[in-house]
Structures are given as C-alpha cells and as structure tokens.
N, C-alpha and C. Protein backbone atom coordinates (compact mmCIF):
# COMPACT_ATOMS: atom_id res chain seq x y z
N UNK A 1 0.80 -1.17 0.03
CA UNK A 1 -0.04 -0.06 0.01
C UNK A 1 0.86 1.22 0.01
N UNK A 2 0.66 2.14 -0.91
CA UNK A 2 1.38 3.36 -1.08
C UNK A 2 1.25 4.31 0.10
N UNK A 3 2.50 4.73 0.66
CA UNK A 3 2.48 5.58 1.80
C UNK A 3 3.52 6.77 1.54
N UNK A 4 2.88 7.93 1.42
CA UNK A 4 3.59 9.18 1.18
C UNK A 4 3.30 10.32 2.00
N UNK A 5 4.28 11.08 2.31
CA UNK A 5 4.02 12.37 3.07
C UNK A 5 4.62 13.56 2.27
N UNK A 6 3.74 14.45 1.85
CA UNK A 6 4.23 15.73 1.12
C UNK A 6 4.17 16.89 2.03
N UNK A 7 5.29 17.27 2.56
CA UNK A 7 5.35 18.54 3.38
C UNK A 7 5.60 19.72 2.45
N UNK A 8 5.10 20.82 2.81
CA UNK A 8 5.53 22.09 2.24
C UNK A 8 6.82 22.45 2.90
N UNK A 9 6.95 22.33 4.10
CA UNK A 9 8.16 22.63 4.84
C UNK A 9 8.10 21.90 6.18
N UNK A 10 9.28 21.70 6.89
CA UNK A 10 9.29 21.08 8.16
C UNK A 10 9.76 22.13 9.14
N UNK A 11 8.83 22.67 9.91
CA UNK A 11 9.14 23.68 10.93
C UNK A 11 8.70 23.28 12.26
N UNK A 12 9.45 23.09 13.32
CA UNK A 12 9.05 22.70 14.57
C UNK A 12 7.76 23.42 15.04
N UNK A 13 6.83 22.66 15.67
CA UNK A 13 5.59 23.18 16.10
C UNK A 13 4.63 23.48 15.03
N UNK A 14 5.06 24.34 14.02
CA UNK A 14 4.19 24.67 12.88
C UNK A 14 3.72 23.45 12.05
N UNK A 15 4.69 22.50 11.97
CA UNK A 15 4.38 21.28 11.19
C UNK A 15 3.83 20.15 11.99
N UNK A 16 3.61 20.37 13.23
CA UNK A 16 3.20 19.32 14.17
C UNK A 16 2.06 18.43 13.78
N UNK A 17 1.12 19.00 13.10
CA UNK A 17 -0.14 18.25 12.62
C UNK A 17 0.32 17.15 11.62
N UNK A 18 1.16 17.60 10.69
CA UNK A 18 1.59 16.51 9.68
C UNK A 18 2.57 15.51 10.35
N UNK A 19 3.41 16.06 11.26
CA UNK A 19 4.30 15.20 12.02
C UNK A 19 3.56 13.96 12.67
N UNK A 20 2.49 14.28 13.34
CA UNK A 20 1.70 13.23 13.96
C UNK A 20 1.12 12.26 12.97
N UNK A 21 0.63 12.75 11.83
CA UNK A 21 0.16 11.80 10.79
C UNK A 21 1.27 11.06 10.21
N UNK A 22 2.39 11.58 10.05
CA UNK A 22 3.59 10.85 9.55
C UNK A 22 3.95 9.76 10.52
N UNK A 23 3.99 10.06 11.79
CA UNK A 23 4.36 9.01 12.70
C UNK A 23 3.35 7.89 12.72
N UNK A 24 2.08 8.18 12.52
CA UNK A 24 1.10 7.15 12.49
C UNK A 24 1.27 6.33 11.21
N UNK A 25 1.71 6.91 10.13
CA UNK A 25 1.96 6.23 8.85
C UNK A 25 3.15 5.24 8.97
N UNK A 26 4.15 5.73 9.67
CA UNK A 26 5.31 4.82 9.92
C UNK A 26 5.00 3.66 10.81
N UNK A 27 4.13 3.85 11.83
CA UNK A 27 3.69 2.84 12.66
C UNK A 27 4.77 1.97 13.24
N UNK A 28 5.84 2.56 13.62
CA UNK A 28 6.97 1.95 14.21
C UNK A 28 7.63 2.71 15.35
N UNK A 29 7.77 2.09 16.54
CA UNK A 29 8.20 2.85 17.59
C UNK A 29 9.72 3.36 17.53
N UNK A 30 10.50 2.75 16.62
CA UNK A 30 11.91 3.17 16.48
C UNK A 30 12.21 3.15 14.95
N UNK A 31 11.55 4.11 14.22
CA UNK A 31 11.74 4.09 12.81
C UNK A 31 13.21 4.68 12.43
N UNK A 32 13.64 4.20 11.25
CA UNK A 32 14.89 4.70 10.63
C UNK A 32 14.58 5.33 9.33
N UNK A 33 15.16 6.53 9.08
CA UNK A 33 14.93 7.25 7.91
C UNK A 33 16.20 7.48 7.18
N UNK A 34 16.18 7.24 5.85
CA UNK A 34 17.33 7.62 5.06
C UNK A 34 17.08 9.03 4.39
N UNK A 35 18.15 9.64 4.07
CA UNK A 35 18.19 11.02 3.57
C UNK A 35 18.80 11.14 2.25
N UNK A 36 18.04 11.79 1.31
CA UNK A 36 18.63 12.09 -0.08
C UNK A 36 18.61 13.57 -0.28
N UNK A 37 19.69 14.21 -0.27
CA UNK A 37 19.68 15.72 -0.50
C UNK A 37 19.49 16.05 -1.98
N UNK A 38 18.96 17.18 -2.31
CA UNK A 38 18.75 17.55 -3.67
C UNK A 38 20.10 17.98 -4.36
N UNK A 39 21.10 18.31 -3.60
CA UNK A 39 22.39 18.69 -4.11
C UNK A 39 23.35 18.44 -2.99
N UNK A 40 24.67 18.43 -3.38
CA UNK A 40 25.71 18.17 -2.43
C UNK A 40 25.57 19.08 -1.24
N UNK A 41 25.72 18.56 0.03
CA UNK A 41 25.69 19.25 1.23
C UNK A 41 27.01 19.05 1.84
N UNK A 42 27.99 19.74 1.50
CA UNK A 42 29.40 19.46 1.83
C UNK A 42 29.65 19.53 3.30
N UNK A 43 29.06 20.52 3.95
CA UNK A 43 29.18 20.54 5.49
C UNK A 43 28.03 19.82 6.22
N UNK A 44 27.14 19.28 5.32
CA UNK A 44 26.00 18.48 5.88
C UNK A 44 25.13 19.31 6.85
N UNK A 45 25.11 20.67 6.58
CA UNK A 45 24.44 21.50 7.37
C UNK A 45 22.86 21.23 7.41
N UNK A 46 22.35 21.01 6.15
CA UNK A 46 20.92 20.71 6.12
C UNK A 46 20.61 19.39 6.61
N UNK A 47 21.53 18.38 6.39
CA UNK A 47 21.32 17.04 6.92
C UNK A 47 21.31 17.08 8.49
N UNK A 48 22.18 17.87 9.22
CA UNK A 48 22.16 17.92 10.60
C UNK A 48 20.92 18.58 11.04
N UNK A 49 20.37 19.55 10.37
CA UNK A 49 19.11 20.20 10.75
C UNK A 49 17.98 19.25 10.78
N UNK A 50 17.97 18.35 9.62
CA UNK A 50 16.92 17.35 9.63
C UNK A 50 17.04 16.29 10.65
N UNK A 51 18.32 15.95 11.00
CA UNK A 51 18.51 15.07 12.15
C UNK A 51 17.94 15.57 13.43
N UNK A 52 18.19 16.91 13.70
CA UNK A 52 17.65 17.48 14.93
C UNK A 52 16.10 17.44 14.86
N UNK A 53 15.49 17.74 13.64
CA UNK A 53 14.08 17.81 13.50
C UNK A 53 13.45 16.39 13.79
N UNK A 54 14.05 15.42 13.26
CA UNK A 54 13.44 14.00 13.47
C UNK A 54 13.77 13.47 14.79
N UNK A 55 14.95 13.92 15.36
CA UNK A 55 15.28 13.45 16.81
C UNK A 55 14.14 13.89 17.74
N UNK A 56 13.65 15.07 17.60
CA UNK A 56 12.54 15.56 18.46
C UNK A 56 11.31 14.66 18.41
N UNK A 57 11.18 13.93 17.31
CA UNK A 57 10.06 13.01 17.18
C UNK A 57 10.41 11.53 17.49
N UNK A 58 11.64 11.36 17.97
CA UNK A 58 11.99 9.95 18.30
C UNK A 58 12.40 9.21 17.16
N UNK A 59 12.86 9.78 16.00
CA UNK A 59 13.22 9.14 14.75
C UNK A 59 14.72 9.32 14.56
N UNK A 60 15.29 8.19 14.02
CA UNK A 60 16.71 8.28 13.66
C UNK A 60 16.91 8.59 12.23
N UNK A 61 17.55 9.70 11.93
CA UNK A 61 17.98 9.91 10.60
C UNK A 61 19.43 9.54 10.42
N UNK A 62 19.70 8.35 9.87
CA UNK A 62 21.15 7.97 10.03
C UNK A 62 21.75 7.57 8.68
N UNK A 63 21.11 7.59 7.58
CA UNK A 63 21.74 7.24 6.30
C UNK A 63 21.66 8.52 5.36
N UNK A 64 22.83 8.88 4.99
CA UNK A 64 22.96 10.04 4.05
C UNK A 64 23.41 9.59 2.64
N UNK A 65 22.63 9.85 1.65
CA UNK A 65 22.82 9.28 0.35
C UNK A 65 22.87 10.38 -0.69
N UNK A 66 24.02 10.79 -0.98
CA UNK A 66 24.22 11.93 -1.91
C UNK A 66 24.21 11.40 -3.43
N UNK A 67 23.61 12.23 -4.31
CA UNK A 67 23.47 11.75 -5.65
C UNK A 67 24.59 12.34 -6.54
N UNK A 68 25.06 13.56 -6.26
CA UNK A 68 25.98 14.19 -7.23
C UNK A 68 27.52 14.04 -6.89
N UNK A 69 28.00 14.91 -6.02
CA UNK A 69 29.46 14.92 -5.81
C UNK A 69 29.99 13.68 -5.03
N UNK A 70 29.33 13.29 -4.01
CA UNK A 70 29.90 12.18 -3.20
C UNK A 70 28.94 10.91 -3.30
N UNK A 71 28.55 10.65 -4.50
CA UNK A 71 27.80 9.50 -4.67
C UNK A 71 28.47 8.09 -4.30
N UNK A 72 27.76 7.28 -3.50
CA UNK A 72 28.37 6.01 -3.22
C UNK A 72 27.40 4.85 -3.43
N UNK A 73 27.46 4.16 -4.45
CA UNK A 73 26.37 3.11 -4.75
C UNK A 73 26.34 2.07 -3.69
N UNK A 74 27.54 1.87 -2.92
CA UNK A 74 27.59 0.90 -1.91
C UNK A 74 26.61 1.02 -0.71
N UNK A 75 26.12 2.26 -0.62
CA UNK A 75 25.23 2.60 0.50
C UNK A 75 23.74 2.45 0.13
N UNK A 76 23.57 2.14 -1.12
CA UNK A 76 22.09 2.07 -1.61
C UNK A 76 21.35 0.98 -0.89
N UNK A 77 21.87 -0.09 -0.65
CA UNK A 77 21.09 -1.21 0.10
C UNK A 77 20.76 -0.74 1.52
N UNK A 78 21.75 0.00 2.16
CA UNK A 78 21.43 0.52 3.46
C UNK A 78 20.32 1.53 3.53
N UNK A 79 20.30 2.39 2.35
CA UNK A 79 19.21 3.35 2.24
C UNK A 79 17.84 2.64 2.14
N UNK A 80 17.78 1.75 1.32
CA UNK A 80 16.55 1.02 0.99
C UNK A 80 16.02 0.07 2.17
N UNK A 81 16.99 -0.09 3.11
CA UNK A 81 16.52 -0.90 4.32
C UNK A 81 15.88 -0.01 5.30
N UNK A 82 15.82 1.28 5.19
CA UNK A 82 15.21 2.27 6.07
C UNK A 82 13.71 2.18 5.98
N UNK A 83 13.06 2.48 7.06
CA UNK A 83 11.54 2.46 7.05
C UNK A 83 10.93 3.55 6.20
N UNK A 84 11.79 4.62 6.00
CA UNK A 84 11.23 5.77 5.17
C UNK A 84 12.49 6.46 4.57
N UNK A 85 12.27 7.09 3.43
CA UNK A 85 13.29 7.90 2.77
C UNK A 85 12.83 9.34 2.63
N UNK A 86 13.63 10.17 3.01
CA UNK A 86 13.37 11.69 2.98
C UNK A 86 13.99 12.35 1.73
N UNK A 87 13.18 12.97 0.94
CA UNK A 87 13.63 13.63 -0.17
C UNK A 87 13.69 15.14 0.15
N UNK A 88 14.81 15.77 0.12
CA UNK A 88 14.95 17.12 0.71
C UNK A 88 14.42 18.24 -0.30
N UNK A 89 14.38 19.39 0.20
CA UNK A 89 14.07 20.58 -0.56
C UNK A 89 15.26 20.99 -1.39
N UNK A 90 15.06 22.02 -2.32
CA UNK A 90 16.09 22.51 -3.13
C UNK A 90 15.59 22.72 -4.57
N UNK A 91 16.48 22.68 -5.54
CA UNK A 91 16.16 22.90 -6.87
C UNK A 91 15.54 21.59 -7.45
N UNK A 92 14.29 21.59 -7.69
CA UNK A 92 13.57 20.38 -8.12
C UNK A 92 14.13 19.78 -9.42
N UNK A 93 14.52 20.73 -10.41
CA UNK A 93 15.05 20.28 -11.72
C UNK A 93 16.40 19.61 -11.55
N UNK A 94 17.23 20.19 -10.79
CA UNK A 94 18.51 19.57 -10.41
C UNK A 94 18.36 18.23 -9.72
N UNK A 95 17.52 18.17 -8.83
CA UNK A 95 17.21 16.98 -8.03
C UNK A 95 16.86 15.90 -8.98
N UNK A 96 15.78 16.15 -9.87
CA UNK A 96 15.32 15.17 -10.78
C UNK A 96 16.47 14.67 -11.76
N UNK A 97 17.22 15.68 -12.27
CA UNK A 97 18.32 15.38 -13.17
C UNK A 97 19.27 14.24 -12.51
N UNK A 98 19.61 14.37 -11.22
CA UNK A 98 20.54 13.47 -10.70
C UNK A 98 19.82 12.12 -10.31
N UNK A 99 18.56 12.21 -9.97
CA UNK A 99 17.83 10.99 -9.61
C UNK A 99 17.72 10.11 -10.90
N UNK A 100 17.62 10.69 -12.09
CA UNK A 100 17.60 9.94 -13.36
C UNK A 100 19.04 9.52 -13.70
N UNK A 101 20.04 10.30 -13.46
CA UNK A 101 21.43 9.91 -13.80
C UNK A 101 21.83 8.69 -13.01
N UNK A 102 21.42 8.63 -11.70
CA UNK A 102 21.74 7.56 -10.82
C UNK A 102 20.75 6.43 -10.87
N UNK A 103 19.85 6.55 -11.90
CA UNK A 103 18.81 5.43 -12.08
C UNK A 103 18.02 5.22 -10.83
N UNK A 104 17.67 6.27 -10.12
CA UNK A 104 16.97 6.19 -8.88
C UNK A 104 15.43 6.27 -8.93
N UNK A 105 14.95 6.69 -10.11
CA UNK A 105 13.45 6.86 -10.34
C UNK A 105 12.75 5.49 -10.16
N UNK A 106 13.07 4.47 -10.81
CA UNK A 106 12.47 3.17 -10.71
C UNK A 106 12.78 2.57 -9.38
N UNK A 107 13.99 2.88 -8.81
CA UNK A 107 14.32 2.33 -7.50
C UNK A 107 13.37 2.79 -6.38
N UNK A 108 13.03 4.13 -6.49
CA UNK A 108 12.21 4.73 -5.51
C UNK A 108 10.73 4.37 -5.64
N UNK A 109 10.31 4.15 -6.87
CA UNK A 109 8.94 3.69 -7.19
C UNK A 109 8.83 2.31 -6.62
N UNK A 110 9.82 1.41 -6.85
CA UNK A 110 9.73 0.07 -6.40
C UNK A 110 9.83 -0.08 -4.72
N UNK A 111 10.63 0.97 -4.25
CA UNK A 111 10.73 1.05 -2.73
C UNK A 111 9.28 1.32 -2.13
N UNK A 112 8.59 2.27 -2.80
CA UNK A 112 7.20 2.54 -2.25
C UNK A 112 6.29 1.37 -2.46
N UNK A 113 6.38 0.71 -3.58
CA UNK A 113 5.56 -0.49 -3.90
C UNK A 113 5.72 -1.59 -2.87
N UNK A 114 6.93 -1.71 -2.41
CA UNK A 114 7.28 -2.77 -1.46
C UNK A 114 7.03 -2.34 0.02
N UNK A 115 6.38 -1.11 0.24
CA UNK A 115 5.96 -0.81 1.55
C UNK A 115 6.75 0.43 2.18
N UNK A 116 7.87 0.76 1.52
CA UNK A 116 8.67 1.92 2.09
C UNK A 116 7.81 3.30 2.03
N UNK A 117 7.99 4.02 3.06
CA UNK A 117 7.39 5.32 3.18
C UNK A 117 8.25 6.44 2.57
N UNK A 118 7.63 7.20 1.65
CA UNK A 118 8.55 8.28 1.10
C UNK A 118 8.01 9.61 1.58
N UNK A 119 9.01 10.37 2.19
CA UNK A 119 8.73 11.66 2.73
C UNK A 119 9.39 12.80 1.93
N UNK A 120 8.64 13.76 1.51
CA UNK A 120 9.22 14.80 0.70
C UNK A 120 8.99 16.15 1.39
N UNK A 121 9.97 17.04 1.23
CA UNK A 121 9.79 18.46 1.75
C UNK A 121 10.03 19.40 0.50
N UNK A 122 9.03 20.19 0.17
CA UNK A 122 9.23 21.23 -0.82
C UNK A 122 9.42 20.54 -2.12
N UNK A 123 10.75 20.67 -2.68
CA UNK A 123 11.13 20.01 -3.94
C UNK A 123 10.86 18.50 -3.83
N UNK A 124 11.23 17.93 -2.75
CA UNK A 124 11.05 16.47 -2.54
C UNK A 124 9.71 16.01 -2.67
N UNK A 125 8.66 16.82 -2.32
CA UNK A 125 7.31 16.58 -2.52
C UNK A 125 6.76 16.71 -3.92
N UNK A 126 7.31 17.78 -4.67
CA UNK A 126 7.01 17.93 -6.00
C UNK A 126 7.42 16.78 -6.80
N UNK A 127 8.53 16.13 -6.45
CA UNK A 127 9.09 15.09 -7.28
C UNK A 127 8.07 13.92 -7.28
N UNK A 128 7.29 13.72 -6.26
CA UNK A 128 6.27 12.62 -6.32
C UNK A 128 5.16 12.76 -7.27
N UNK A 129 5.09 13.87 -7.81
CA UNK A 129 3.91 14.18 -8.76
C UNK A 129 4.28 13.78 -10.18
N UNK A 130 3.23 13.86 -11.08
CA UNK A 130 3.55 13.44 -12.51
C UNK A 130 4.50 14.38 -13.21
N UNK A 131 4.40 15.68 -12.77
CA UNK A 131 5.20 16.71 -13.53
C UNK A 131 5.71 17.75 -12.50
N UNK A 132 6.99 18.00 -12.53
CA UNK A 132 7.61 18.85 -11.49
C UNK A 132 7.57 20.38 -11.92
N UNK A 133 6.92 20.73 -12.95
CA UNK A 133 7.03 22.12 -13.47
C UNK A 133 6.29 23.15 -12.68
N UNK A 134 5.50 22.66 -11.60
CA UNK A 134 4.95 23.67 -10.67
C UNK A 134 6.06 24.34 -10.00
N UNK A 135 7.28 23.78 -10.01
CA UNK A 135 8.44 24.44 -9.34
C UNK A 135 8.66 25.95 -9.95
N UNK A 136 8.35 26.02 -11.24
CA UNK A 136 8.57 27.33 -11.93
C UNK A 136 7.50 28.43 -11.58
N UNK A 137 6.44 27.98 -10.96
CA UNK A 137 5.39 29.00 -10.67
C UNK A 137 5.85 30.03 -9.67
N UNK A 138 6.69 29.63 -8.71
CA UNK A 138 7.27 30.59 -7.74
C UNK A 138 8.53 31.24 -8.23
N UNK A 139 9.10 30.86 -9.42
CA UNK A 139 10.12 31.58 -10.11
C UNK A 139 11.51 31.37 -9.47
N UNK A 140 11.64 30.34 -8.57
CA UNK A 140 12.87 30.20 -7.91
C UNK A 140 13.77 28.92 -8.55
N UNK A 141 13.07 27.91 -8.88
CA UNK A 141 13.69 26.81 -9.50
C UNK A 141 13.67 26.88 -10.99
N UNK A 142 14.85 26.86 -11.64
CA UNK A 142 15.02 27.04 -13.08
C UNK A 142 15.33 25.71 -13.69
N UNK A 143 14.65 25.40 -14.86
CA UNK A 143 14.98 24.12 -15.59
C UNK A 143 16.46 24.12 -15.98
N UNK A 144 17.07 22.95 -15.98
CA UNK A 144 18.44 22.78 -16.54
C UNK A 144 18.52 22.83 -18.06
N UNK A 145 19.41 23.64 -18.49
CA UNK A 145 19.48 23.88 -19.99
C UNK A 145 19.61 22.48 -20.70
N UNK A 146 18.75 22.36 -21.79
CA UNK A 146 18.79 21.18 -22.59
C UNK A 146 17.79 20.05 -22.08
N UNK A 147 17.29 20.20 -20.79
CA UNK A 147 16.44 19.19 -20.34
C UNK A 147 14.94 19.56 -20.72
N UNK A 148 14.24 18.67 -21.11
CA UNK A 148 12.84 18.99 -21.60
C UNK A 148 11.85 18.08 -20.91
N UNK A 149 12.27 17.01 -20.26
CA UNK A 149 11.36 16.07 -19.69
C UNK A 149 11.24 16.35 -18.19
N UNK A 150 10.10 16.80 -17.78
CA UNK A 150 9.86 17.21 -16.44
C UNK A 150 8.99 16.29 -15.63
N UNK A 151 8.93 15.00 -16.17
CA UNK A 151 8.18 13.98 -15.51
C UNK A 151 8.74 13.52 -14.11
N UNK A 152 7.86 13.55 -13.11
CA UNK A 152 8.34 13.19 -11.85
C UNK A 152 8.19 11.68 -11.51
N UNK A 153 8.06 11.28 -10.30
CA UNK A 153 7.90 9.90 -9.93
C UNK A 153 6.52 9.30 -10.27
N UNK A 154 5.55 10.21 -10.46
CA UNK A 154 4.20 9.87 -10.76
C UNK A 154 3.61 8.91 -9.78
N UNK A 155 3.78 9.15 -8.55
CA UNK A 155 3.23 8.37 -7.55
C UNK A 155 1.82 8.84 -7.04
N UNK A 156 1.47 10.05 -7.66
CA UNK A 156 0.14 10.61 -7.27
C UNK A 156 -0.46 11.12 -8.53
N UNK A 157 -1.75 11.52 -8.55
CA UNK A 157 -2.40 11.97 -9.72
C UNK A 157 -2.82 13.40 -9.69
N UNK A 158 -1.99 14.12 -8.84
CA UNK A 158 -2.22 15.59 -8.64
C UNK A 158 -0.85 16.35 -8.69
N UNK A 159 -0.98 17.64 -8.80
CA UNK A 159 0.15 18.47 -8.64
C UNK A 159 0.28 19.16 -7.36
N UNK A 160 1.53 19.56 -6.98
CA UNK A 160 1.72 20.10 -5.53
C UNK A 160 2.55 21.36 -5.77
N UNK A 161 2.20 22.31 -4.94
CA UNK A 161 2.96 23.64 -4.85
C UNK A 161 3.19 24.06 -3.44
N UNK A 162 4.33 24.01 -2.88
CA UNK A 162 4.65 24.34 -1.45
C UNK A 162 4.81 25.92 -1.36
N UNK A 163 5.02 26.29 -0.14
CA UNK A 163 5.31 27.66 0.26
C UNK A 163 4.32 28.70 -0.20
N UNK A 164 3.03 28.37 -0.12
CA UNK A 164 2.03 29.22 -0.61
C UNK A 164 1.30 30.01 0.55
N UNK A 165 2.14 30.71 1.35
CA UNK A 165 1.60 31.37 2.55
C UNK A 165 0.85 32.65 2.09
N UNK A 166 1.19 33.15 0.93
CA UNK A 166 0.24 34.25 0.38
C UNK A 166 -0.20 33.92 -0.96
N UNK A 167 -1.16 32.95 -0.94
CA UNK A 167 -1.60 32.31 -2.29
C UNK A 167 -2.23 33.37 -3.22
N UNK A 168 -2.70 34.42 -2.68
CA UNK A 168 -3.36 35.41 -3.59
C UNK A 168 -2.29 35.90 -4.63
N UNK A 169 -1.04 35.95 -4.40
CA UNK A 169 -0.02 36.37 -5.41
C UNK A 169 0.19 35.40 -6.51
N UNK A 170 -0.26 34.10 -6.29
CA UNK A 170 0.02 33.01 -7.19
C UNK A 170 -1.23 32.45 -7.90
N UNK A 171 -2.44 32.89 -7.33
CA UNK A 171 -3.66 32.13 -7.71
C UNK A 171 -3.86 32.13 -9.22
N UNK A 172 -3.68 33.22 -9.87
CA UNK A 172 -3.91 33.26 -11.35
C UNK A 172 -2.98 32.29 -11.99
N UNK A 173 -1.64 32.21 -11.65
CA UNK A 173 -0.77 31.26 -12.22
C UNK A 173 -1.13 29.87 -11.98
N UNK A 174 -1.63 29.60 -10.74
CA UNK A 174 -2.02 28.21 -10.39
C UNK A 174 -3.23 27.84 -11.19
N UNK A 175 -4.17 28.61 -11.32
CA UNK A 175 -5.33 28.32 -11.99
C UNK A 175 -5.03 27.98 -13.49
N UNK A 176 -4.14 28.80 -14.12
CA UNK A 176 -3.79 28.56 -15.48
C UNK A 176 -2.99 27.27 -15.54
N UNK A 177 -2.20 26.95 -14.55
CA UNK A 177 -1.37 25.64 -14.61
C UNK A 177 -2.33 24.46 -14.58
N UNK A 178 -3.35 24.68 -13.68
CA UNK A 178 -4.46 23.56 -13.56
C UNK A 178 -5.10 23.33 -14.83
N UNK A 179 -5.43 24.33 -15.53
CA UNK A 179 -6.17 24.28 -16.81
C UNK A 179 -5.27 23.75 -17.89
N UNK A 180 -4.04 24.25 -18.03
CA UNK A 180 -3.11 23.88 -19.09
C UNK A 180 -2.67 22.42 -18.96
N UNK A 181 -2.51 21.92 -17.65
CA UNK A 181 -2.02 20.59 -17.38
C UNK A 181 -3.15 19.65 -17.07
N UNK A 182 -4.36 20.23 -17.10
CA UNK A 182 -5.58 19.34 -16.72
C UNK A 182 -5.32 18.54 -15.44
N UNK A 183 -4.86 19.31 -14.43
CA UNK A 183 -4.52 18.66 -13.20
C UNK A 183 -5.06 19.45 -11.97
N UNK A 184 -5.41 18.65 -11.00
CA UNK A 184 -5.76 19.34 -9.61
C UNK A 184 -4.42 19.80 -9.03
N UNK A 185 -4.39 21.03 -8.48
CA UNK A 185 -3.20 21.51 -7.80
C UNK A 185 -3.46 21.62 -6.39
N UNK A 186 -2.65 21.10 -5.47
CA UNK A 186 -2.76 21.35 -4.09
C UNK A 186 -1.72 22.32 -3.74
N UNK A 187 -2.00 23.48 -3.22
CA UNK A 187 -1.13 24.57 -2.95
C UNK A 187 -1.08 24.66 -1.42
N UNK A 188 0.12 24.46 -0.84
CA UNK A 188 0.06 24.33 0.63
C UNK A 188 0.89 25.51 1.27
N UNK A 189 0.41 26.00 2.42
CA UNK A 189 1.14 26.93 3.20
C UNK A 189 2.24 26.05 3.96
N UNK A 190 3.26 26.70 4.57
CA UNK A 190 4.28 25.88 5.16
C UNK A 190 3.87 25.13 6.31
N UNK A 191 2.58 25.30 6.88
CA UNK A 191 1.99 24.50 7.89
C UNK A 191 1.19 23.35 7.36
N UNK A 192 1.17 23.21 6.04
CA UNK A 192 0.34 22.26 5.49
C UNK A 192 1.07 21.19 4.70
N UNK A 193 0.23 20.14 4.35
CA UNK A 193 0.93 19.06 3.57
C UNK A 193 -0.18 18.06 3.14
N UNK A 194 0.28 16.95 2.65
CA UNK A 194 -0.66 15.85 2.17
C UNK A 194 -0.17 14.47 2.60
N UNK A 195 -1.09 13.72 3.16
CA UNK A 195 -0.81 12.30 3.56
C UNK A 195 -1.55 11.51 2.45
N UNK A 196 -0.76 10.52 1.89
CA UNK A 196 -1.28 9.52 0.96
C UNK A 196 -1.12 8.19 1.56
N UNK A 197 -2.19 7.52 1.79
CA UNK A 197 -2.13 6.14 2.38
C UNK A 197 -3.06 5.24 1.51
N UNK A 198 -2.34 4.47 0.57
CA UNK A 198 -3.12 3.68 -0.42
C UNK A 198 -3.78 4.70 -1.28
N UNK A 199 -5.13 4.49 -1.44
CA UNK A 199 -5.96 5.39 -2.31
C UNK A 199 -6.53 6.57 -1.62
N UNK A 200 -6.13 6.69 -0.29
CA UNK A 200 -6.70 7.81 0.46
C UNK A 200 -5.79 8.93 0.49
N UNK A 201 -6.23 10.07 0.06
CA UNK A 201 -5.48 11.36 -0.02
C UNK A 201 -6.12 12.37 0.98
N UNK A 202 -5.34 12.80 1.91
CA UNK A 202 -5.82 13.67 2.99
C UNK A 202 -4.92 14.94 3.11
N UNK A 203 -5.57 16.11 2.97
CA UNK A 203 -4.87 17.40 3.33
C UNK A 203 -4.83 17.53 4.84
N UNK A 204 -3.68 18.05 5.28
CA UNK A 204 -3.41 18.31 6.66
C UNK A 204 -2.90 19.77 6.84
N UNK A 205 -3.51 20.54 7.76
CA UNK A 205 -3.08 21.89 7.83
C UNK A 205 -3.70 22.75 6.71
N UNK A 206 -2.96 23.83 6.38
CA UNK A 206 -3.49 24.84 5.39
C UNK A 206 -3.05 24.45 3.97
N UNK A 207 -4.13 23.81 3.30
CA UNK A 207 -3.87 23.39 1.95
C UNK A 207 -5.01 23.88 1.03
N UNK A 208 -4.74 24.53 -0.02
CA UNK A 208 -5.82 24.90 -1.01
C UNK A 208 -5.86 23.95 -2.18
N UNK A 209 -7.07 23.60 -2.65
CA UNK A 209 -7.23 22.69 -3.80
C UNK A 209 -7.77 23.60 -4.94
N UNK A 210 -7.00 23.63 -6.02
CA UNK A 210 -7.30 24.40 -7.17
C UNK A 210 -7.60 23.43 -8.35
N UNK A 211 -8.77 23.47 -8.92
CA UNK A 211 -9.15 22.51 -9.94
C UNK A 211 -9.85 23.30 -11.03
N UNK A 212 -9.19 23.49 -12.16
CA UNK A 212 -9.72 24.25 -13.28
C UNK A 212 -9.92 23.39 -14.57
N UNK A 213 -9.92 22.04 -14.29
CA UNK A 213 -10.06 21.05 -15.38
C UNK A 213 -11.44 21.18 -16.06
C-alpha cells in the first residue's frame, strides 16, 4: 500500500499536525529514515538540521545518500533498508536530473511499492507528482539547460505547490497551470501538507485545492 507524506516545509511546532500523521503512517516505535539531498551538502548543514528535527520526534535519521558529488552506490542497500526515505528541498529540476542519472526513479517507485514510506519536503514533495514544473510557478527553480522532460515519480495523480503562505499572489498562475495541465493542484502553506495512504489522499493543515479542469 502506497504511503507518502508531502510536506510544504518542516518547521518545529508549525508542522506538528503533519508530523503526527507521519508517525502514524510509519507505525514503528523506532523508525529509521534515510536522507537524499537535492544537491551536495558539503558541510552536511541541512542534513544535521533534519537530524535534529526528526530526533525531536524519536526518529533516527542515520543514512545520508548523496547523488552528485559524493555518490556511493555501496550505501544504496542501506538506504533502501530504512523504514522511510526523506527527499529534501532544493532545486527540483537539479534533483530530478541526478535521480535520473543515478537510475533512482524506478528504485524509489519500487521502494514505495514494497511498503517503504516516502517523505518529501518542498522539492522532494513535488518530485512525487507526475510533472515537476509547478516549481517554476514561484520563479525560484529554473530548468536545466537542454532538459525538456519534467516527468516526476508519478506516485500521485495531482500537482503540488509548496510555500503558498500568500496564495493570492500566485492564484492566477496556479489556475492557469491547472487548466493547461488538466491537473488538480494542491497549494500548501508551510504549515500544510498531504498524507497519501493507499488510495486515500488527505490534506493536513493549510492546503488549498485548485481545480480548473
């Protein structure tokens, strides 16, 4: 049964509603989570921050699996043995490029099919959708030159847009995206996210549903 958590962001206390749902989804008193950064984290600053975040919840974040600069295929089996895998925030296009380069797309799809829980934050959440080009709606992530295939993991049948704390500034763009792509768009504030448990999709916190199909 497919188990996914799409965070807009992970902020202590602010994200507590989604954290509770995530813990219930893991259903393990001592869960282990693996971590895939969107890009090289040379000082592992972002990784250590996630360790602190998960430690508050009684979760061990103990496997670091980098795709670009310090890629080590020997740690893949250890990553896949974790109860959940965390996909970090960052540049969604760059993240997707390296997931493809390391042949990780099918690996992650199979991991979910076999019962592993996939956790995404921002870009990591967008990657779970059929098309990652919602990233461009906020104007921060730019496509990689020469790349034209923006297909994501396609684990859900909707689009996701994080960091929509002032949705009024983006609403026209989101409506157009929904119409052009014939897709439901869930736009989440940083306190919001989505829990997918099998065929059940549930919004948690502040999430807007835009459907112009």
